[in-house]
């Protein structure tokens, strides 16, 4: 990972400093590591960007054609928006994915019944309950998912990132990244670092114009 800061000696621009990362624990949706020889500002920037500016797919608009359940449309739409959707790979800006749901009771409707128009974008988990339908209950809808960022709404948040450090050792930070499943923890971290570098380069460009 690279950290950018003001050049030594008052020189214009930024310099690139390579930081060391020691992996402590890694599995499907969790990653723990130590970021060495960094600043508090850099560590916090990675945390904030990773949680708020890494884009993922989420259901954003829902059209109901039939809903005879006991739950309001708006409540169901909110539940659908919080179901994690796979977001790995490259996707076009403004790309939308259509989901359909048509189910009748009596039964519990699970996320696996949401049918996607794009096999690469689907529900991460099949067993998330959406609604319980009674004997005469029926639900039929179309939902559109799009890419968004956590700064817009919590449904576009890729995961949680936290860090800490030992008293007296404020250059080494122990990080914990927990993914909601849309992206791997490593991907969240890499995209956060790339976004931070973009911001530094943009700032560098603007400062040169002053």
C-alpha atoms as a PDB file:
ATOM      1  CA  UNK A   1       0.000   0.000   0.000  1.00  0.00           C
ATOM      2  CA  UNK A   2       1.203   3.519  -0.711  1.00  0.00           C
ATOM      3  CA  UNK A   3       0.846   6.628   1.414  1.00  0.00           C
ATOM      4  CA  UNK A   4       1.114  10.118  -0.065  1.00  0.00           C
ATOM      5  CA  UNK A   5       2.185  13.155   1.900  1.00  0.00           C
ATOM      6  CA  UNK A   6       3.820  16.547   1.444  1.00  0.00           C
ATOM      7  CA  UNK A   7       7.312  16.296   0.079  1.00  0.00           C
ATOM      8  CA  UNK A   8      10.205  16.775   2.480  1.00  0.00           C
ATOM      9  CA  UNK A   9      11.909  20.169   2.593  1.00  0.00           C
ATOM     10  CA  UNK A  10       8.915  22.168   1.410  1.00  0.00           C
ATOM     11  CA  UNK A  11       9.121  20.839  -2.153  1.00  0.00           C
ATOM     12  CA  UNK A  12       6.010  21.059  -4.262  1.00  0.00           C
ATOM     13  CA  UNK A  13       3.917  17.973  -4.866  1.00  0.00           C
ATOM     14  CA  UNK A  14       3.675  14.666  -3.070  1.00  0.00           C
ATOM     15  CA  UNK A  15       5.982  11.770  -2.452  1.00  0.00           C
ATOM     16  CA  UNK A  16       5.070   8.087  -2.401  1.00  0.00           C
ATOM     17  CA  UNK A  17       5.889   6.053   0.689  1.00  0.00           C
ATOM     18  CA  UNK A  18       5.383   2.288   0.714  1.00  0.00           C
ATOM     19  CA  UNK A  19       3.737   0.946   3.847  1.00  0.00           C
ATOM     20  CA  UNK A  20       4.044  -2.564   5.222  1.00  0.00           C
ATOM     21  CA  UNK A  21       1.025  -4.729   5.995  1.00  0.00           C
ATOM     22  CA  UNK A  22       1.134  -7.838   8.176  1.00  0.00           C
ATOM     23  CA  UNK A  23      -1.872 -10.148   7.727  1.00  0.00           C
ATOM     24  CA  UNK A  24      -3.044 -11.553  11.064  1.00  0.00           C
ATOM     25  CA  UNK A  25      -6.238 -13.331  10.072  1.00  0.00           C
ATOM     26  CA  UNK A  26      -8.071 -13.818   6.793  1.00  0.00           C
ATOM     27  CA  UNK A  27     -11.192 -15.692   5.766  1.00  0.00           C
ATOM     28  CA  UNK A  28     -14.135 -15.209   3.413  1.00  0.00           C
ATOM     29  CA  UNK A  29     -15.688 -12.065   4.912  1.00  0.00           C
ATOM     30  CA  UNK A  30     -13.151 -11.031   7.549  1.00  0.00           C
ATOM     31  CA  UNK A  31      -9.651  -9.633   7.401  1.00  0.00           C
ATOM     32  CA  UNK A  32      -7.354  -8.528  10.228  1.00  0.00           C
ATOM     33  CA  UNK A  33      -3.983  -6.927   9.581  1.00  0.00           C
ATOM     34  CA  UNK A  34      -1.437  -4.515  11.008  1.00  0.00           C
ATOM     35  CA  UNK A  35      -0.667  -1.371   9.022  1.00  0.00           C
ATOM     36  CA  UNK A  36       2.887  -0.370   9.920  1.00  0.00           C
ATOM     37  CA  UNK A  37       4.610   3.012  10.004  1.00  0.00           C
ATOM     38  CA  UNK A  38       1.501   5.026   9.069  1.00  0.00           C
ATOM     39  CA  UNK A  39      -0.156   8.143  10.451  1.00  0.00           C
ATOM     40  CA  UNK A  40      -3.472   8.408  12.280  1.00  0.00           C
ATOM     41  CA  UNK A  41      -4.782  10.605   9.457  1.00  0.00           C
ATOM     42  CA  UNK A  42      -3.948   7.983   6.826  1.00  0.00           C
ATOM     43  CA  UNK A  43      -5.421   5.112   8.856  1.00  0.00           C
ATOM     44  CA  UNK A  44      -8.644   7.018   9.448  1.00  0.00           C
ATOM     45  CA  UNK A  45      -8.867   8.030   5.781  1.00  0.00           C
ATOM     46  CA  UNK A  46      -8.717   4.376   4.730  1.00  0.00           C
ATOM     47  CA  UNK A  47     -11.415   3.510   7.272  1.00  0.00           C
ATOM     48  CA  UNK A  48     -13.759   6.314   6.218  1.00  0.00           C
ATOM     49  CA  UNK A  49     -13.350   5.809   2.467  1.00  0.00           C
ATOM     50  CA  UNK A  50     -13.710   2.029   2.748  1.00  0.00           C
ATOM     51  CA  UNK A  51     -17.060   2.436   4.484  1.00  0.00           C
ATOM     52  CA  UNK A  52     -18.470   5.356   2.531  1.00  0.00           C
ATOM     53  CA  UNK A  53     -16.952   5.549  -0.959  1.00  0.00           C
ATOM     54  CA  UNK A  54     -16.519   1.992  -2.236  1.00  0.00           C
ATOM     55  CA  UNK A  55     -19.408   1.422  -4.699  1.00  0.00           C
ATOM     56  CA  UNK A  56     -21.590  -1.702  -4.551  1.00  0.00           C
ATOM     57  CA  UNK A  57     -24.944  -2.779  -5.983  1.00  0.00           C
ATOM     58  CA  UNK A  58     -28.169  -2.426  -3.995  1.00  0.00           C
ATOM     59  CA  UNK A  59     -31.858  -2.406  -4.893  1.00  0.00           C
ATOM     60  CA  UNK A  60     -32.877   1.229  -5.223  1.00  0.00           C
ATOM     61  CA  UNK A  61     -36.361   1.323  -6.786  1.00  0.00           C
ATOM     62  CA  UNK A  62     -39.224  -1.178  -6.488  1.00  0.00           C
ATOM     63  CA  UNK A  63     -42.438  -1.385  -8.501  1.00  0.00           C
ATOM     64  CA  UNK A  64     -45.222  -3.425  -6.880  1.00  0.00           C
ATOM     65  CA  UNK A  65     -47.813  -5.040  -9.153  1.00  0.00           C
ATOM     66  CA  UNK A  66     -49.504  -7.028  -6.394  1.00  0.00           C
ATOM     67  CA  UNK A  67     -49.117  -7.147  -2.626  1.00  0.00           C
ATOM     68  CA  UNK A  68     -51.854  -8.760  -0.555  1.00  0.00           C
ATOM     69  CA  UNK A  69     -49.638  -9.329   2.463  1.00  0.00           C
ATOM     70  CA  UNK A  70     -50.046  -7.509   5.760  1.00  0.00           C
ATOM     71  CA  UNK A  71     -46.862  -5.461   5.184  1.00  0.00           C
ATOM     72  CA  UNK A  72     -46.790  -2.063   3.461  1.00  0.00           C
ATOM     73  CA  UNK A  73     -44.982  -1.707   0.115  1.00  0.00           C
ATOM     74  CA  UNK A  74     -42.486   0.802   1.543  1.00  0.00           C
ATOM     75  CA  UNK A  75     -41.467  -1.561   4.341  1.00  0.00           C
ATOM     76  CA  UNK A  76     -40.808  -4.407   1.899  1.00  0.00           C
ATOM     77  CA  UNK A  77     -38.878  -2.090  -0.431  1.00  0.00           C
ATOM     78  CA  UNK A  78     -36.637  -1.068   2.463  1.00  0.00           C
ATOM     79  CA  UNK A  79     -35.947  -4.731   3.292  1.00  0.00           C
ATOM     80  CA  UNK A  80     -35.066  -5.469  -0.338  1.00  0.00           C
ATOM     81  CA  UNK A  81     -32.620  -2.573  -0.424  1.00  0.00           C
ATOM     82  CA  UNK A  82     -30.681  -4.000   2.522  1.00  0.00           C
ATOM     83  CA  UNK A  83     -30.133  -7.435   0.924  1.00  0.00           C
ATOM     84  CA  UNK A  84     -26.423  -7.632  -0.098  1.00  0.00           C
ATOM     85  CA  UNK A  85     -25.839  -8.131  -3.838  1.00  0.00           C
ATOM     86  CA  UNK A  86     -22.656  -9.488  -5.425  1.00  0.00           C
ATOM     87  CA  UNK A  87     -20.622  -6.588  -6.804  1.00  0.00           C
ATOM     88  CA  UNK A  88     -17.250  -8.055  -7.816  1.00  0.00           C
ATOM     89  CA  UNK A  89     -15.822  -7.377 -11.281  1.00  0.00           C
ATOM     90  CA  UNK A  90     -16.099  -4.336 -13.528  1.00  0.00           C
ATOM     91  CA  UNK A  91     -19.438  -2.633 -14.083  1.00  0.00           C
ATOM     92  CA  UNK A  92     -20.441   0.319 -16.247  1.00  0.00           C
ATOM     93  CA  UNK A  93     -21.314   3.623 -14.646  1.00  0.00           C
ATOM     94  CA  UNK A  94     -25.094   3.919 -14.464  1.00  0.00           C
ATOM     95  CA  UNK A  95     -25.584   0.176 -15.031  1.00  0.00           C
ATOM     96  CA  UNK A  96     -28.872  -1.197 -13.681  1.00  0.00           C
ATOM     97  CA  UNK A  97     -29.861  -4.781 -12.915  1.00  0.00           C
ATOM     98  CA  UNK A  98     -33.490  -5.884 -12.865  1.00  0.00           C
ATOM     99  CA  UNK A  99     -34.830  -8.262 -10.202  1.00  0.00           C
ATOM    100  CA  UNK A 100     -38.263  -9.892 -10.252  1.00  0.00           C
ATOM    101  CA  UNK A 101     -40.251 -11.612  -7.521  1.00  0.00           C
ATOM    102  CA  UNK A 102     -43.536 -13.491  -7.887  1.00  0.00           C
ATOM    103  CA  UNK A 103     -44.601 -15.628  -4.945  1.00  0.00           C
ATOM    104  CA  UNK A 104     -47.810 -16.858  -3.292  1.00  0.00           C
ATOM    105  CA  UNK A 105     -48.500 -18.125   0.243  1.00  0.00           C
ATOM    106  CA  UNK A 106     -48.695 -19.734   2.598  1.00  0.00           C
ATOM    107  CA  UNK A 107     -44.916 -19.544   2.922  1.00  0.00           C
ATOM    108  CA  UNK A 108     -41.929 -17.494   3.961  1.00  0.00           C
ATOM    109  CA  UNK A 109     -40.429 -15.708   0.959  1.00  0.00           C
ATOM    110  CA  UNK A 110     -36.628 -15.813   0.957  1.00  0.00           C
ATOM    111  CA  UNK A 111     -34.022 -13.840  -0.984  1.00  0.00           C
ATOM    112  CA  UNK A 112     -33.280 -16.853  -3.212  1.00  0.00           C
ATOM    113  CA  UNK A 113     -36.614 -16.209  -4.965  1.00  0.00           C
ATOM    114  CA  UNK A 114     -35.379 -12.876  -6.350  1.00  0.00           C
ATOM    115  CA  UNK A 115     -34.527 -13.495 -10.019  1.00  0.00           C
ATOM    116  CA  UNK A 116     -31.757 -11.335 -11.505  1.00  0.00           C
ATOM    117  CA  UNK A 117     -31.345 -10.217 -15.124  1.00  0.00           C
ATOM    118  CA  UNK A 118     -27.561 -10.405 -14.645  1.00  0.00           C
ATOM    119  CA  UNK A 119     -26.078 -13.687 -13.362  1.00  0.00           C
ATOM    120  CA  UNK A 120     -23.051 -11.769 -12.024  1.00  0.00           C
ATOM    121  CA  UNK A 121     -25.259  -9.623  -9.772  1.00  0.00           C
ATOM    122  CA  UNK A 122     -27.401 -11.686  -7.412  1.00  0.00           C
ATOM    123  CA  UNK A 123     -28.229 -12.026  -3.726  1.00  0.00           C
ATOM    124  CA  UNK A 124     -25.138 -12.909  -1.704  1.00  0.00           C
ATOM    125  CA  UNK A 125     -27.185 -15.007   0.729  1.00  0.00           C
ATOM    126  CA  UNK A 126     -30.176 -17.155  -0.325  1.00  0.00           C
ATOM    127  CA  UNK A 127     -31.749 -17.530   3.117  1.00  0.00           C
ATOM    128  CA  UNK A 128     -32.607 -13.926   4.032  1.00  0.00           C
ATOM    129  CA  UNK A 129     -36.351 -13.820   4.875  1.00  0.00           C
ATOM    130  CA  UNK A 130     -38.219 -11.044   3.054  1.00  0.00           C
ATOM    131  CA  UNK A 131     -41.810 -11.583   4.140  1.00  0.00           C
ATOM    132  CA  UNK A 132     -44.191 -14.224   5.482  1.00  0.00           C
ATOM    133  CA  UNK A 133     -47.277 -14.707   3.316  1.00  0.00           C
ATOM    134  CA  UNK A 134     -50.582 -16.036   4.622  1.00  0.00           C
ATOM    135  CA  UNK A 135     -53.016 -18.395   2.928  1.00  0.00           C
ATOM    136  CA  UNK A 136     -54.270 -15.778   0.476  1.00  0.00           C
ATOM    137  CA  UNK A 137     -51.072 -13.750   0.388  1.00  0.00           C
ATOM    138  CA  UNK A 138     -49.306 -12.912  -2.851  1.00  0.00           C
ATOM    139  CA  UNK A 139     -46.485 -10.594  -3.845  1.00  0.00           C
ATOM    140  CA  UNK A 140     -45.384  -9.654  -7.354  1.00  0.00           C
ATOM    141  CA  UNK A 141     -42.822  -6.931  -8.043  1.00  0.00           C
ATOM    142  CA  UNK A 142     -39.916  -5.659 -10.106  1.00  0.00           C
ATOM    143  CA  UNK A 143     -36.878  -4.064  -8.523  1.00  0.00           C
ATOM    144  CA  UNK A 144     -33.948  -2.178 -10.032  1.00  0.00           C
ATOM    145  CA  UNK A 145     -30.494  -2.309  -8.482  1.00  0.00           C
ATOM    146  CA  UNK A 146     -27.726   0.195  -9.187  1.00  0.00           C
ATOM    147  CA  UNK A 147     -24.227   1.000  -8.001  1.00  0.00           C
ATOM    148  CA  UNK A 148     -24.000   3.443  -5.120  1.00  0.00           C
ATOM    149  CA  UNK A 149     -21.807   4.413  -2.172  1.00  0.00           C
ATOM    150  CA  UNK A 150     -22.330   4.327   1.576  1.00  0.00           C
ATOM    151  CA  UNK A 151     -22.203   8.118   1.738  1.00  0.00           C
ATOM    152  CA  UNK A 152     -25.601   8.071  -0.052  1.00  0.00           C
ATOM    153  CA  UNK A 153     -27.343   5.371   2.004  1.00  0.00           C
ATOM    154  CA  UNK A 154     -26.407   2.506   4.336  1.00  0.00           C
ATOM    155  CA  UNK A 155     -27.652  -0.053   1.785  1.00  0.00           C
ATOM    156  CA  UNK A 156     -24.651   0.866  -0.415  1.00  0.00           C
ATOM    157  CA  UNK A 157     -22.136   0.178   2.356  1.00  0.00           C
ATOM    158  CA  UNK A 158     -19.749  -2.674   1.548  1.00  0.00           C
ATOM    159  CA  UNK A 159     -18.798  -3.481   5.125  1.00  0.00           C
ATOM    160  CA  UNK A 160     -17.373  -2.264   8.416  1.00  0.00           C
ATOM    161  CA  UNK A 161     -13.801  -1.155   9.062  1.00  0.00           C
ATOM    162  CA  UNK A 162     -12.280  -0.452  12.454  1.00  0.00           C
ATOM    163  CA  UNK A 163      -8.758   0.065  13.757  1.00  0.00           C
ATOM    164  CA  UNK A 164      -6.891   0.602  16.984  1.00  0.00           C
ATOM    165  CA  UNK A 165      -3.379   1.022  18.318  1.00  0.00           C
ATOM    166  CA  UNK A 166      -1.435   0.440  21.509  1.00  0.00           C
ATOM    167  CA  UNK A 167      -0.752   3.426  23.745  1.00  0.00           C
ATOM    168  CA  UNK A 168       2.657   4.815  22.940  1.00  0.00           C
ATOM    169  CA  UNK A 169       2.762   3.109  19.548  1.00  0.00           C
ATOM    170  CA  UNK A 170       0.835   5.458  17.282  1.00  0.00           C
ATOM    171  CA  UNK A 171       2.489   4.396  14.027  1.00  0.00           C
ATOM    172  CA  UNK A 172       1.216   0.813  13.844  1.00  0.00           C
ATOM    173  CA  UNK A 173      -2.527   0.185  13.488  1.00  0.00           C
ATOM    174  CA  UNK A 174      -4.449  -3.041  13.873  1.00  0.00           C
ATOM    175  CA  UNK A 175      -7.293  -3.098  11.330  1.00  0.00           C
ATOM    176  CA  UNK A 176     -10.372  -5.276  11.122  1.00  0.00           C
ATOM    177  CA  UNK A 177     -12.388  -5.376   7.888  1.00  0.00           C
ATOM    178  CA  UNK A 178     -15.787  -7.112   7.917  1.00  0.00           C
ATOM    179  CA  UNK A 179     -17.506  -7.468   4.547  1.00  0.00           C
ATOM    180  CA  UNK A 180     -21.278  -7.733   4.133  1.00  0.00           C
ATOM    181  CA  UNK A 181     -20.592 -10.087   1.219  1.00  0.00           C
ATOM    182  CA  UNK A 182     -20.826  -7.831  -1.840  1.00  0.00           C
ATOM    183  CA  UNK A 183     -17.031  -7.594  -2.089  1.00  0.00           C
ATOM    184  CA  UNK A 184     -14.189  -9.448  -0.419  1.00  0.00           C
ATOM    185  CA  UNK A 185     -12.419  -7.607   2.446  1.00  0.00           C
ATOM    186  CA  UNK A 186      -9.271  -7.412   0.309  1.00  0.00           C
ATOM    187  CA  UNK A 187     -11.212  -5.804  -2.552  1.00  0.00           C
ATOM    188  CA  UNK A 188     -12.780  -3.256  -0.185  1.00  0.00           C
ATOM    189  CA  UNK A 189      -9.337  -2.334   1.124  1.00  0.00           C
ATOM    190  CA  UNK A 190      -7.788  -2.061  -2.347  1.00  0.00           C
ATOM    191  CA  UNK A 191     -10.638   0.064  -3.701  1.00  0.00           C
ATOM    192  CA  UNK A 192     -10.413   2.339  -0.658  1.00  0.00           C
ATOM    193  CA  UNK A 193      -6.659   2.786  -1.219  1.00  0.00           C
ATOM    194  CA  UNK A 194      -7.210   3.501  -4.939  1.00  0.00           C
ATOM    195  CA  UNK A 195      -9.858   6.094  -4.110  1.00  0.00           C
ATOM    196  CA  UNK A 196      -7.564   7.788  -1.592  1.00  0.00           C
ATOM    197  CA  UNK A 197      -4.771   7.946  -4.173  1.00  0.00           C
ATOM    198  CA  UNK A 198      -7.177   9.523  -6.682  1.00  0.00           C
ATOM    199  CA  UNK A 199      -8.063  12.204  -4.132  1.00  0.00           C
ATOM    200  CA  UNK A 200      -4.367  12.912  -3.434  1.00  0.00           C
ATOM    201  CA  UNK A 201      -3.603  13.195  -7.154  1.00  0.00           C
ATOM    202  CA  UNK A 202      -6.570  15.516  -7.653  1.00  0.00           C
ATOM    203  CA  UNK A 203      -5.387  17.714  -4.769  1.00  0.00           C
ATOM    204  CA  UNK A 204      -1.856  17.736  -6.169  1.00  0.00           C
ATOM    205  CA  UNK A 205      -3.164  18.881  -9.562  1.00  0.00           C
ATOM    206  CA  UNK A 206      -5.264  21.643  -8.066  1.00  0.00           C
ATOM    207  CA  UNK A 207      -2.401  22.912  -5.891  1.00  0.00           C
ATOM    208  CA  UNK A 208      -0.165  23.211  -8.956  1.00  0.00           C
ATOM    209  CA  UNK A 209      -2.744  25.518 -10.528  1.00  0.00           C
ATOM    210  CA  UNK A 210      -2.696  27.918  -7.583  1.00  0.00           C
END
